[in-house]
């Protein structure tokens, strides 16, 4: 079964600049890897500049045959649903405040799309998902811990596609990323565990180290 993951971009981007920050680019690109071949990842509610920037990044990505297909849209998810003839009840909103957790049976055809309010990963959480919650989507949660957007998508894929229960996934919570004996940064989120390390987007570790060094420049 083919799965579609939709990220409603909820930042206020400016058309006059390259609005998508580098760390968001890395997270959004990571979603193609996590969703895997055969899946679709749609980004909605983007500014023209953000859409053009992301589309260029995705087009230039190597090994596209092993990545999910991606499309960038300026329209919001409701307009895309109308355009694609997807009814509200077929879209599952991943919502930290949902009463029911995501389960493998949610991947058995009851939902066509899985919707995420981006950008997740605020610390402390700002509950930007509330804007989507008010629209009446069916909702599911991914457990009690705050996740980055790409982690949320990756966890959802493991549950609905790979049929693994949420509590059977191995996680790393609030990891400390160490660069050397003196430099480290704590990430206040839950990540998928990969060989005892948090599964970060390719390039994220280097970006974090670069940002850490910038913070010491006076």
N, C-alpha and C. Protein backbone atom coordinates (compact mmCIF):
# COMPACT_ATOMS: atom_id res chain seq x y z
N UNK A 1 0.84 -1.20 0.00
CA UNK A 1 0.00 0.00 0.00
C UNK A 1 0.88 1.25 0.00
N UNK A 2 0.50 2.20 -0.82
CA UNK A 2 1.24 3.47 -0.92
C UNK A 2 0.71 4.47 0.10
N UNK A 3 1.61 5.14 0.80
CA UNK A 3 1.20 6.11 1.82
C UNK A 3 1.61 7.52 1.42
N UNK A 4 0.76 8.47 1.79
CA UNK A 4 1.02 9.87 1.51
C UNK A 4 1.10 10.64 2.82
N UNK A 5 2.18 11.39 2.97
CA UNK A 5 2.41 12.19 4.17
C UNK A 5 2.40 13.66 3.77
N UNK A 6 1.62 14.46 4.47
CA UNK A 6 1.44 15.86 4.14
C UNK A 6 1.94 16.72 5.29
N UNK A 7 2.82 17.66 4.97
CA UNK A 7 3.34 18.58 5.98
C UNK A 7 2.80 19.97 5.65
N UNK A 8 1.90 20.44 6.51
CA UNK A 8 1.36 21.80 6.36
C UNK A 8 2.35 22.76 7.01
N UNK A 9 3.10 23.46 6.18
CA UNK A 9 4.15 24.36 6.66
C UNK A 9 3.48 25.54 7.37
N UNK A 10 3.78 25.72 8.65
CA UNK A 10 3.05 26.69 9.45
C UNK A 10 3.89 27.87 9.90
N UNK A 11 5.04 28.03 9.30
CA UNK A 11 5.85 29.22 9.53
C UNK A 11 5.40 30.34 8.60
N UNK A 12 5.59 31.57 9.01
CA UNK A 12 5.27 32.70 8.14
C UNK A 12 6.51 33.05 7.32
N UNK A 13 6.56 32.53 6.11
CA UNK A 13 7.72 32.75 5.24
C UNK A 13 7.59 34.06 4.49
N UNK A 14 8.71 34.63 4.15
CA UNK A 14 8.74 35.83 3.34
C UNK A 14 9.13 35.47 1.91
N UNK A 15 8.35 35.96 0.95
CA UNK A 15 8.66 35.68 -0.45
C UNK A 15 9.93 36.38 -0.92
N UNK A 16 10.38 37.38 -0.22
CA UNK A 16 11.52 38.17 -0.69
C UNK A 16 12.86 37.56 -0.32
N UNK A 17 12.85 36.51 0.51
CA UNK A 17 14.11 35.91 0.94
C UNK A 17 14.05 34.40 0.79
N UNK A 18 15.21 33.78 0.94
CA UNK A 18 15.23 32.33 1.01
C UNK A 18 14.79 31.96 2.42
N UNK A 19 13.49 31.70 2.57
CA UNK A 19 12.88 31.70 3.90
C UNK A 19 13.10 30.42 4.69
N UNK A 20 13.33 29.29 4.02
CA UNK A 20 13.47 28.03 4.74
C UNK A 20 14.85 27.97 5.37
N UNK A 21 14.96 27.91 6.70
CA UNK A 21 16.27 27.82 7.34
C UNK A 21 16.96 26.51 6.99
N UNK A 22 18.28 26.47 7.07
CA UNK A 22 19.01 25.24 6.71
C UNK A 22 18.57 24.01 7.48
N UNK A 23 18.28 24.15 8.77
CA UNK A 23 17.90 22.96 9.55
C UNK A 23 16.54 22.41 9.11
N UNK A 24 15.66 23.31 8.65
CA UNK A 24 14.36 22.85 8.15
C UNK A 24 14.55 22.13 6.82
N UNK A 25 15.42 22.66 5.97
CA UNK A 25 15.73 21.98 4.71
C UNK A 25 16.21 20.56 4.97
N UNK A 26 17.07 20.39 5.96
CA UNK A 26 17.60 19.06 6.27
C UNK A 26 16.50 18.14 6.78
N UNK A 27 15.63 18.65 7.65
CA UNK A 27 14.53 17.82 8.16
C UNK A 27 13.57 17.44 7.04
N UNK A 28 13.23 18.40 6.19
CA UNK A 28 12.29 18.12 5.12
C UNK A 28 12.89 17.13 4.11
N UNK A 29 14.18 17.27 3.81
CA UNK A 29 14.83 16.32 2.90
C UNK A 29 14.90 14.93 3.54
N UNK A 30 15.10 14.88 4.85
CA UNK A 30 15.17 13.60 5.57
C UNK A 30 13.86 12.82 5.46
N UNK A 31 12.74 13.54 5.34
CA UNK A 31 11.44 12.88 5.24
C UNK A 31 11.37 11.98 4.02
N UNK A 32 12.04 12.35 2.95
CA UNK A 32 12.03 11.52 1.73
C UNK A 32 12.71 10.19 1.99
N UNK A 33 13.76 10.21 2.80
CA UNK A 33 14.47 8.98 3.15
C UNK A 33 13.60 8.13 4.07
N UNK A 34 13.01 8.76 5.09
CA UNK A 34 12.23 8.03 6.07
C UNK A 34 10.95 7.44 5.47
N UNK A 35 10.29 8.18 4.61
CA UNK A 35 9.06 7.68 3.98
C UNK A 35 9.36 6.55 3.01
N UNK A 36 10.49 6.66 2.29
CA UNK A 36 10.95 5.58 1.43
C UNK A 36 10.28 5.55 0.05
N UNK A 37 10.84 4.73 -0.85
CA UNK A 37 10.30 4.63 -2.21
C UNK A 37 8.86 4.13 -2.21
N UNK A 38 8.07 4.67 -3.12
CA UNK A 38 6.67 4.28 -3.21
C UNK A 38 5.74 5.20 -2.44
N UNK A 39 6.30 5.97 -1.51
CA UNK A 39 5.49 6.91 -0.74
C UNK A 39 5.53 8.29 -1.38
N UNK A 40 4.61 9.15 -0.95
CA UNK A 40 4.58 10.54 -1.40
C UNK A 40 4.67 11.45 -0.17
N UNK A 41 5.43 12.52 -0.30
CA UNK A 41 5.51 13.54 0.74
C UNK A 41 5.13 14.87 0.10
N UNK A 42 4.05 15.47 0.58
CA UNK A 42 3.59 16.75 0.06
C UNK A 42 3.85 17.84 1.10
N UNK A 43 4.38 18.96 0.64
CA UNK A 43 4.57 20.12 1.50
C UNK A 43 3.58 21.19 1.04
N UNK A 44 2.76 21.68 1.96
CA UNK A 44 1.71 22.62 1.60
C UNK A 44 1.89 23.94 2.36
N UNK A 45 1.20 24.97 1.86
CA UNK A 45 1.19 26.29 2.50
C UNK A 45 2.58 26.93 2.49
N UNK A 46 3.33 26.71 1.44
CA UNK A 46 4.66 27.30 1.30
C UNK A 46 4.58 28.64 0.59
N UNK A 47 5.49 29.54 0.91
CA UNK A 47 5.62 30.75 0.10
C UNK A 47 6.24 30.36 -1.25
N UNK A 48 6.15 31.23 -2.24
CA UNK A 48 6.74 30.95 -3.54
C UNK A 48 8.24 30.68 -3.42
N UNK A 49 8.92 31.51 -2.62
CA UNK A 49 10.36 31.36 -2.46
C UNK A 49 10.71 30.03 -1.80
N UNK A 50 9.98 29.67 -0.74
CA UNK A 50 10.23 28.41 -0.05
C UNK A 50 9.95 27.23 -0.97
N UNK A 51 8.87 27.30 -1.73
CA UNK A 51 8.52 26.24 -2.65
C UNK A 51 9.61 26.05 -3.71
N UNK A 52 10.07 27.16 -4.27
CA UNK A 52 11.13 27.08 -5.30
C UNK A 52 12.42 26.52 -4.71
N UNK A 53 12.75 26.96 -3.50
CA UNK A 53 13.99 26.52 -2.85
C UNK A 53 13.95 25.01 -2.57
N UNK A 54 12.84 24.54 -1.99
CA UNK A 54 12.74 23.12 -1.67
C UNK A 54 12.69 22.27 -2.93
N UNK A 55 11.95 22.72 -3.93
CA UNK A 55 11.85 21.96 -5.18
C UNK A 55 13.23 21.77 -5.80
N UNK A 56 14.04 22.81 -5.78
CA UNK A 56 15.40 22.73 -6.33
C UNK A 56 16.24 21.72 -5.54
N UNK A 57 16.15 21.76 -4.23
CA UNK A 57 16.89 20.81 -3.39
C UNK A 57 16.47 19.37 -3.70
N UNK A 58 15.17 19.15 -3.81
CA UNK A 58 14.69 17.80 -4.07
C UNK A 58 15.09 17.31 -5.46
N UNK A 59 15.06 18.20 -6.45
CA UNK A 59 15.42 17.81 -7.81
C UNK A 59 16.90 17.44 -7.92
N UNK A 60 17.73 18.07 -7.08
CA UNK A 60 19.17 17.83 -7.15
C UNK A 60 19.62 16.69 -6.24
N UNK A 61 18.70 16.08 -5.51
CA UNK A 61 19.08 15.01 -4.59
C UNK A 61 19.52 13.77 -5.35
N UNK A 62 20.64 13.15 -4.94
CA UNK A 62 21.07 11.91 -5.57
C UNK A 62 20.20 10.74 -5.15
N UNK A 63 20.23 9.67 -5.95
CA UNK A 63 19.53 8.43 -5.62
C UNK A 63 18.03 8.64 -5.39
N UNK A 64 17.42 9.46 -6.24
CA UNK A 64 16.00 9.77 -6.05
C UNK A 64 15.10 8.54 -6.17
N UNK A 65 15.60 7.47 -6.79
CA UNK A 65 14.79 6.27 -6.97
C UNK A 65 14.55 5.52 -5.65
N UNK A 66 15.35 5.81 -4.62
CA UNK A 66 15.13 5.16 -3.33
C UNK A 66 14.50 6.13 -2.32
N UNK A 67 14.03 7.26 -2.80
CA UNK A 67 13.40 8.26 -1.94
C UNK A 67 11.91 8.38 -2.27
N UNK A 68 11.15 8.88 -1.31
CA UNK A 68 9.74 9.17 -1.58
C UNK A 68 9.62 10.29 -2.60
N UNK A 69 8.55 10.28 -3.37
CA UNK A 69 8.27 11.38 -4.28
C UNK A 69 7.81 12.59 -3.48
N UNK A 70 8.20 13.77 -3.92
CA UNK A 70 7.81 14.98 -3.19
C UNK A 70 7.18 16.00 -4.14
N UNK A 71 6.25 16.76 -3.60
CA UNK A 71 5.66 17.89 -4.32
C UNK A 71 5.51 19.05 -3.35
N UNK A 72 5.84 20.24 -3.82
CA UNK A 72 5.72 21.45 -3.00
C UNK A 72 4.54 22.29 -3.50
N UNK A 73 3.72 22.74 -2.58
CA UNK A 73 2.50 23.47 -2.95
C UNK A 73 2.42 24.78 -2.18
N UNK A 74 1.94 25.80 -2.86
CA UNK A 74 1.65 27.06 -2.18
C UNK A 74 0.28 27.02 -1.52
N UNK A 75 -0.62 26.21 -2.04
CA UNK A 75 -1.96 26.10 -1.45
C UNK A 75 -1.88 25.30 -0.15
N UNK A 76 -2.87 25.50 0.72
CA UNK A 76 -2.93 24.78 1.97
C UNK A 76 -3.51 23.40 1.80
N UNK A 77 -3.49 22.62 2.88
CA UNK A 77 -3.92 21.23 2.80
C UNK A 77 -5.39 21.11 2.42
N UNK A 78 -6.26 22.00 2.90
CA UNK A 78 -7.68 21.89 2.56
C UNK A 78 -7.91 22.06 1.06
N UNK A 79 -7.21 23.02 0.45
CA UNK A 79 -7.35 23.21 -0.99
C UNK A 79 -6.76 22.03 -1.76
N UNK A 80 -5.67 21.46 -1.25
CA UNK A 80 -5.08 20.29 -1.91
C UNK A 80 -6.00 19.08 -1.79
N UNK A 81 -6.66 18.94 -0.65
CA UNK A 81 -7.63 17.85 -0.48
C UNK A 81 -8.76 17.98 -1.49
N UNK A 82 -9.27 19.20 -1.65
CA UNK A 82 -10.36 19.43 -2.60
C UNK A 82 -9.90 19.11 -4.03
N UNK A 83 -8.70 19.56 -4.35
CA UNK A 83 -8.13 19.32 -5.69
C UNK A 83 -7.91 17.84 -5.95
N UNK A 84 -7.60 17.09 -4.88
CA UNK A 84 -7.29 15.66 -5.02
C UNK A 84 -8.48 14.77 -4.67
N UNK A 85 -9.63 15.38 -4.36
CA UNK A 85 -10.85 14.64 -4.00
C UNK A 85 -10.64 13.72 -2.80
N UNK A 86 -9.97 14.25 -1.78
CA UNK A 86 -9.73 13.51 -0.55
C UNK A 86 -10.65 14.06 0.53
N UNK A 87 -11.59 13.25 1.05
CA UNK A 87 -12.50 13.76 2.09
C UNK A 87 -11.80 13.88 3.44
N UNK A 88 -12.37 14.71 4.31
CA UNK A 88 -11.78 14.99 5.62
C UNK A 88 -11.52 13.73 6.43
N UNK A 89 -12.47 12.79 6.38
CA UNK A 89 -12.35 11.60 7.22
C UNK A 89 -11.25 10.64 6.76
N UNK A 90 -10.68 10.89 5.60
CA UNK A 90 -9.58 10.04 5.11
C UNK A 90 -8.21 10.63 5.42
N UNK A 91 -8.18 11.74 6.15
CA UNK A 91 -6.92 12.40 6.50
C UNK A 91 -6.72 12.30 8.01
N UNK A 92 -5.62 11.68 8.41
CA UNK A 92 -5.31 11.53 9.84
C UNK A 92 -4.32 12.61 10.26
N UNK A 93 -4.74 13.45 11.20
CA UNK A 93 -3.87 14.48 11.74
C UNK A 93 -3.09 13.92 12.93
N UNK A 94 -1.76 13.96 12.86
CA UNK A 94 -0.93 13.54 13.98
C UNK A 94 -0.88 14.70 14.98
N UNK A 95 -1.53 14.49 16.10
CA UNK A 95 -1.77 15.56 17.06
C UNK A 95 -1.35 15.10 18.46
N UNK A 96 -0.40 15.81 19.09
CA UNK A 96 0.04 15.41 20.43
C UNK A 96 -1.09 15.35 21.45
N UNK A 97 -2.18 16.07 21.20
CA UNK A 97 -3.29 16.10 22.15
C UNK A 97 -4.40 15.11 21.81
N UNK A 98 -4.21 14.29 20.78
CA UNK A 98 -5.23 13.30 20.41
C UNK A 98 -5.36 12.25 21.51
N UNK A 99 -6.57 11.75 21.70
CA UNK A 99 -6.81 10.75 22.74
C UNK A 99 -6.30 9.37 22.32
N UNK A 100 -6.36 9.06 21.05
CA UNK A 100 -5.99 7.72 20.56
C UNK A 100 -4.62 7.75 19.91
N UNK A 101 -3.78 6.75 20.20
CA UNK A 101 -2.46 6.72 19.58
C UNK A 101 -2.50 6.00 18.25
N UNK A 102 -1.57 6.35 17.38
CA UNK A 102 -1.47 5.73 16.06
C UNK A 102 -1.16 4.25 16.21
N UNK A 103 -1.81 3.43 15.41
CA UNK A 103 -1.59 1.98 15.48
C UNK A 103 -1.49 1.40 14.08
N UNK A 104 -0.94 0.19 13.95
CA UNK A 104 -0.81 -0.42 12.63
C UNK A 104 -2.11 -0.52 11.85
N UNK A 105 -3.24 -0.68 12.55
CA UNK A 105 -4.50 -0.79 11.82
C UNK A 105 -4.89 0.51 11.11
N UNK A 106 -4.29 1.63 11.54
CA UNK A 106 -4.56 2.90 10.85
C UNK A 106 -3.96 2.93 9.46
N UNK A 107 -3.08 1.97 9.16
CA UNK A 107 -2.51 1.87 7.82
C UNK A 107 -3.21 0.86 6.94
N UNK A 108 -4.38 0.39 7.37
CA UNK A 108 -5.08 -0.65 6.62
C UNK A 108 -6.11 -0.12 5.64
N UNK A 109 -6.06 1.18 5.35
CA UNK A 109 -6.94 1.74 4.33
C UNK A 109 -7.93 2.76 4.85
N UNK A 110 -8.04 2.89 6.17
CA UNK A 110 -9.02 3.85 6.69
C UNK A 110 -8.60 5.29 6.41
N UNK A 111 -7.27 5.51 6.26
CA UNK A 111 -6.75 6.85 5.95
C UNK A 111 -5.96 6.82 4.65
N UNK A 112 -6.12 7.91 3.87
CA UNK A 112 -5.35 8.06 2.64
C UNK A 112 -4.11 8.92 2.86
N UNK A 113 -4.25 9.93 3.72
CA UNK A 113 -3.15 10.84 4.01
C UNK A 113 -2.90 10.91 5.51
N UNK A 114 -1.64 11.16 5.85
CA UNK A 114 -1.25 11.41 7.23
C UNK A 114 -0.68 12.82 7.28
N UNK A 115 -1.29 13.66 8.11
CA UNK A 115 -1.03 15.10 8.10
C UNK A 115 -0.25 15.53 9.34
N UNK A 116 0.76 16.35 9.11
CA UNK A 116 1.60 16.88 10.19
C UNK A 116 1.59 18.40 10.14
N UNK A 117 1.49 19.02 11.30
CA UNK A 117 1.60 20.47 11.37
C UNK A 117 3.05 20.84 11.55
N UNK A 118 3.64 21.43 10.53
CA UNK A 118 5.06 21.80 10.64
C UNK A 118 5.15 23.30 10.89
N UNK A 119 6.10 23.75 11.64
CA UNK A 119 7.23 22.95 12.03
C UNK A 119 7.02 22.45 13.45
N UNK A 120 7.03 21.12 13.64
CA UNK A 120 7.06 20.57 14.98
C UNK A 120 8.46 20.81 15.54
N UNK A 121 8.63 20.55 16.80
CA UNK A 121 9.98 20.67 17.35
C UNK A 121 10.25 21.97 18.06
N UNK A 122 9.22 22.75 18.38
CA UNK A 122 9.43 23.95 19.20
C UNK A 122 9.72 23.53 20.64
N UNK A 123 10.57 24.27 21.29
CA UNK A 123 10.85 24.01 22.70
C UNK A 123 10.80 25.35 23.46
N UNK A 124 9.79 25.58 24.31
CA UNK A 124 8.70 24.65 24.60
C UNK A 124 7.68 24.58 23.47
N UNK A 125 6.88 23.50 23.41
CA UNK A 125 5.90 23.35 22.33
C UNK A 125 4.92 24.52 22.28
N UNK A 126 4.61 24.96 21.05
CA UNK A 126 3.69 26.09 20.90
C UNK A 126 2.30 25.67 20.44
N UNK A 127 2.10 24.37 20.26
CA UNK A 127 0.80 23.83 19.86
C UNK A 127 0.27 24.48 18.59
N UNK A 128 1.13 24.59 17.58
CA UNK A 128 0.64 25.13 16.32
C UNK A 128 -0.29 24.14 15.61
N UNK A 129 -0.29 22.88 16.06
CA UNK A 129 -1.23 21.91 15.50
C UNK A 129 -2.67 22.30 15.80
N UNK A 130 -2.89 23.17 16.77
CA UNK A 130 -4.26 23.57 17.13
C UNK A 130 -5.00 24.19 15.95
N UNK A 131 -4.27 24.86 15.06
CA UNK A 131 -4.91 25.45 13.87
C UNK A 131 -5.52 24.38 12.98
N UNK A 132 -4.85 23.23 12.89
CA UNK A 132 -5.38 22.13 12.09
C UNK A 132 -6.43 21.34 12.87
N UNK A 133 -6.21 21.20 14.17
CA UNK A 133 -7.15 20.46 15.01
C UNK A 133 -8.56 21.03 14.90
N UNK A 134 -8.65 22.36 14.80
CA UNK A 134 -9.96 23.02 14.77
C UNK A 134 -10.74 22.72 13.49
N UNK A 135 -10.08 22.12 12.49
CA UNK A 135 -10.75 21.85 11.22
C UNK A 135 -11.52 20.52 11.23
N UNK A 136 -11.32 19.71 12.28
CA UNK A 136 -12.15 18.52 12.43
C UNK A 136 -11.59 17.23 11.90
N UNK A 137 -10.28 17.16 11.64
CA UNK A 137 -9.68 15.92 11.16
C UNK A 137 -9.74 14.82 12.21
N UNK A 138 -9.83 13.55 11.81
CA UNK A 138 -9.55 12.47 12.74
C UNK A 138 -8.11 12.62 13.23
N UNK A 139 -7.86 12.30 14.51
CA UNK A 139 -6.54 12.55 15.06
C UNK A 139 -5.96 11.30 15.73
N UNK A 140 -4.63 11.24 15.76
CA UNK A 140 -3.90 10.22 16.50
C UNK A 140 -2.67 10.87 17.12
N UNK A 141 -2.19 10.32 18.24
CA UNK A 141 -0.96 10.83 18.83
C UNK A 141 0.18 9.83 18.64
N UNK A 142 1.39 10.32 18.88
CA UNK A 142 2.60 9.50 18.73
C UNK A 142 3.31 9.33 20.07
N UNK A 143 2.55 9.37 21.14
CA UNK A 143 3.15 9.21 22.46
C UNK A 143 3.36 10.55 23.14
N UNK A 144 3.93 10.51 24.36
CA UNK A 144 3.97 11.69 25.21
C UNK A 144 5.11 12.67 24.93
N UNK A 145 6.11 12.26 24.16
CA UNK A 145 7.30 13.09 23.99
C UNK A 145 7.24 13.92 22.71
N UNK A 146 7.74 15.15 22.79
CA UNK A 146 7.82 16.03 21.63
C UNK A 146 8.84 15.50 20.63
N UNK A 147 8.47 15.50 19.35
CA UNK A 147 9.36 15.02 18.28
C UNK A 147 9.60 16.12 17.26
N UNK A 148 10.70 16.01 16.54
CA UNK A 148 10.90 16.86 15.37
C UNK A 148 9.96 16.37 14.26
N UNK A 149 9.74 17.18 13.25
CA UNK A 149 8.79 16.82 12.19
C UNK A 149 9.21 15.57 11.46
N UNK A 150 10.50 15.46 11.13
CA UNK A 150 10.95 14.29 10.39
C UNK A 150 10.84 13.03 11.24
N UNK A 151 11.12 13.14 12.54
CA UNK A 151 10.96 11.99 13.43
C UNK A 151 9.51 11.55 13.48
N UNK A 152 8.59 12.52 13.58
CA UNK A 152 7.16 12.20 13.63
C UNK A 152 6.73 11.45 12.37
N UNK A 153 7.21 11.89 11.23
CA UNK A 153 6.88 11.19 9.98
C UNK A 153 7.49 9.80 9.98
N UNK A 154 8.76 9.70 10.40
CA UNK A 154 9.43 8.40 10.41
C UNK A 154 8.74 7.41 11.33
N UNK A 155 8.33 7.86 12.50
CA UNK A 155 7.62 7.00 13.43
C UNK A 155 6.28 6.56 12.85
N UNK A 156 5.57 7.48 12.22
CA UNK A 156 4.28 7.15 11.60
C UNK A 156 4.45 6.09 10.52
N UNK A 157 5.50 6.22 9.72
CA UNK A 157 5.76 5.24 8.67
C UNK A 157 6.04 3.86 9.26
N UNK A 158 6.82 3.81 10.33
CA UNK A 158 7.14 2.53 10.98
C UNK A 158 5.86 1.86 11.49
N UNK A 159 4.94 2.67 12.01
CA UNK A 159 3.69 2.13 12.56
C UNK A 159 2.74 1.68 11.46
N UNK A 160 2.41 2.57 10.51
CA UNK A 160 1.35 2.25 9.55
C UNK A 160 1.84 1.40 8.38
N UNK A 161 3.11 1.55 8.00
CA UNK A 161 3.64 0.80 6.86
C UNK A 161 4.33 -0.49 7.32
N UNK A 162 5.19 -0.38 8.33
CA UNK A 162 5.94 -1.55 8.80
C UNK A 162 5.19 -2.35 9.85
N UNK A 163 4.05 -1.82 10.32
CA UNK A 163 3.15 -2.51 11.25
C UNK A 163 3.81 -2.81 12.60
N UNK A 164 4.56 -1.85 13.10
CA UNK A 164 5.20 -1.98 14.41
C UNK A 164 4.51 -1.04 15.39
N UNK A 165 4.17 -1.55 16.56
CA UNK A 165 3.50 -0.74 17.57
C UNK A 165 4.40 0.39 18.06
N UNK A 166 3.76 1.50 18.42
CA UNK A 166 4.52 2.67 18.90
C UNK A 166 5.48 2.32 20.03
N UNK A 167 5.01 1.52 21.00
CA UNK A 167 5.86 1.24 22.15
C UNK A 167 6.89 0.15 21.89
N UNK A 168 6.93 -0.37 20.67
CA UNK A 168 7.95 -1.35 20.30
C UNK A 168 9.11 -0.70 19.54
N UNK A 169 8.95 0.58 19.20
CA UNK A 169 10.02 1.32 18.53
C UNK A 169 11.04 1.75 19.57
N UNK A 170 12.32 1.64 19.22
CA UNK A 170 13.37 2.05 20.16
C UNK A 170 13.68 3.53 19.93
N UNK A 171 13.63 4.31 21.01
CA UNK A 171 13.81 5.76 20.92
C UNK A 171 15.05 6.20 21.72
N UNK A 172 15.50 7.41 21.40
CA UNK A 172 16.48 8.12 22.21
C UNK A 172 15.83 9.44 22.61
N UNK A 173 15.67 9.67 23.90
CA UNK A 173 15.01 10.88 24.39
C UNK A 173 16.03 11.90 24.90
N UNK A 174 15.83 13.15 24.49
CA UNK A 174 16.67 14.26 24.96
C UNK A 174 18.17 13.97 24.84
N UNK A 175 18.62 13.55 23.66
CA UNK A 175 20.02 13.16 23.54
C UNK A 175 20.98 14.34 23.62
N UNK A 176 22.17 14.07 24.09
CA UNK A 176 23.26 15.04 24.05
C UNK A 176 24.16 14.69 22.88
N UNK A 177 24.26 15.60 21.92
CA UNK A 177 25.11 15.39 20.75
C UNK A 177 26.50 15.91 21.10
N UNK A 178 27.48 15.03 21.14
CA UNK A 178 28.85 15.43 21.52
C UNK A 178 29.71 15.55 20.27
N UNK A 179 30.41 16.68 20.17
CA UNK A 179 31.29 16.92 19.03
C UNK A 179 32.75 16.65 19.38
N UNK A 180 33.10 16.91 20.60
CA UNK A 180 34.44 16.63 21.11
C UNK A 180 34.36 16.68 22.64
N UNK A 181 35.51 16.65 23.29
CA UNK A 181 35.53 16.59 24.76
C UNK A 181 34.90 17.81 25.41
N UNK A 182 34.90 18.93 24.71
CA UNK A 182 34.43 20.18 25.32
C UNK A 182 33.12 20.71 24.74
N UNK A 183 32.73 20.23 23.58
CA UNK A 183 31.56 20.79 22.90
C UNK A 183 30.45 19.76 22.75
N UNK A 184 29.25 20.15 23.14
CA UNK A 184 28.09 19.28 23.01
C UNK A 184 26.83 20.14 23.02
N UNK A 185 25.73 19.56 22.59
CA UNK A 185 24.45 20.27 22.61
C UNK A 185 23.36 19.26 22.94
N UNK A 186 22.43 19.65 23.81
CA UNK A 186 21.33 18.76 24.17
C UNK A 186 20.11 19.07 23.30
N UNK A 187 19.52 18.03 22.76
CA UNK A 187 18.35 18.17 21.89
C UNK A 187 17.11 17.74 22.68
N UNK A 188 16.18 18.65 22.96
CA UNK A 188 15.05 18.35 23.85
C UNK A 188 13.88 17.66 23.16
N UNK A 189 14.19 16.61 22.40
CA UNK A 189 13.16 15.91 21.62
C UNK A 189 13.37 14.40 21.69
N UNK A 190 12.37 13.68 21.24
CA UNK A 190 12.48 12.23 21.07
C UNK A 190 12.88 11.92 19.63
N UNK A 191 13.84 11.00 19.49
CA UNK A 191 14.31 10.56 18.18
C UNK A 191 14.20 9.05 18.06
N UNK A 192 14.14 8.56 16.83
CA UNK A 192 14.27 7.14 16.57
C UNK A 192 15.72 6.74 16.86
N UNK A 193 15.89 5.60 17.51
CA UNK A 193 17.25 5.14 17.83
C UNK A 193 17.86 4.42 16.62
N UNK A 194 19.10 4.74 16.34
CA UNK A 194 19.84 4.11 15.24
C UNK A 194 21.25 3.77 15.74
N UNK A 195 21.47 2.50 16.05
CA UNK A 195 22.77 2.06 16.56
C UNK A 195 23.18 2.85 17.81
N UNK A 196 22.22 2.96 18.72
CA UNK A 196 22.39 3.63 20.01
C UNK A 196 22.55 5.14 19.90
N UNK A 197 22.33 5.68 18.72
CA UNK A 197 22.41 7.12 18.49
C UNK A 197 21.07 7.63 17.98
N UNK A 198 20.75 8.92 18.20
CA UNK A 198 19.52 9.48 17.61
C UNK A 198 19.63 9.54 16.09
N UNK A 199 18.56 9.19 15.41
CA UNK A 199 18.55 9.24 13.95
C UNK A 199 18.32 10.68 13.51
N UNK A 200 19.39 11.36 13.12
CA UNK A 200 19.34 12.76 12.70
C UNK A 200 19.35 12.84 11.18
N UNK A 201 18.83 13.92 10.61
CA UNK A 201 18.94 14.12 9.16
C UNK A 201 20.41 14.19 8.73
N UNK A 202 20.75 13.67 7.56
CA UNK A 202 22.11 13.83 7.06
C UNK A 202 22.50 15.30 7.03
N UNK A 203 23.66 15.62 7.60
CA UNK A 203 24.13 17.01 7.64
C UNK A 203 23.73 17.77 8.88
N UNK A 204 22.80 17.22 9.69
CA UNK A 204 22.32 17.97 10.86
C UNK A 204 23.40 18.08 11.93
N UNK A 205 24.16 17.03 12.14
CA UNK A 205 25.21 17.08 13.17
C UNK A 205 26.21 18.19 12.85
N UNK A 206 26.61 18.28 11.59
CA UNK A 206 27.56 19.32 11.18
C UNK A 206 26.95 20.71 11.33
N UNK A 207 25.66 20.84 11.01
CA UNK A 207 24.99 22.14 11.14
C UNK A 207 24.89 22.56 12.61
N UNK A 208 24.59 21.61 13.47
CA UNK A 208 24.51 21.91 14.90
C UNK A 208 25.86 22.38 15.44
N UNK A 209 26.93 21.73 15.00
CA UNK A 209 28.27 22.11 15.44
C UNK A 209 28.62 23.51 14.92
N UNK A 210 28.25 23.77 13.68
CA UNK A 210 28.50 25.09 13.10
C UNK A 210 27.75 26.18 13.85
N UNK A 211 26.49 25.90 14.17
CA UNK A 211 25.68 26.88 14.92
C UNK A 211 26.23 27.08 16.34
N UNK A 212 26.73 26.01 16.94
CA UNK A 212 27.31 26.11 18.26
C UNK A 212 28.54 27.01 18.24
N UNK A 213 29.37 26.86 17.22
CA UNK A 213 30.55 27.69 17.09
C UNK A 213 30.20 29.15 16.84
N UNK A 214 29.13 29.37 16.07
CA UNK A 214 28.68 30.74 15.81
C UNK A 214 28.26 31.44 17.09
N UNK A 215 27.67 30.67 18.01
CA UNK A 215 27.17 31.28 19.25
C UNK A 215 28.30 31.77 20.13
N UNK A 216 29.52 31.32 19.84
CA UNK A 216 30.68 31.76 20.63
C UNK A 216 31.45 32.89 19.93
N UNK A 217 30.96 33.29 18.75
CA UNK A 217 31.64 34.39 18.04
C UNK A 217 31.14 35.73 18.59
N UNK A 218 32.03 36.56 19.04
CA UNK A 218 31.64 37.87 19.58
C UNK A 218 32.21 38.98 18.72
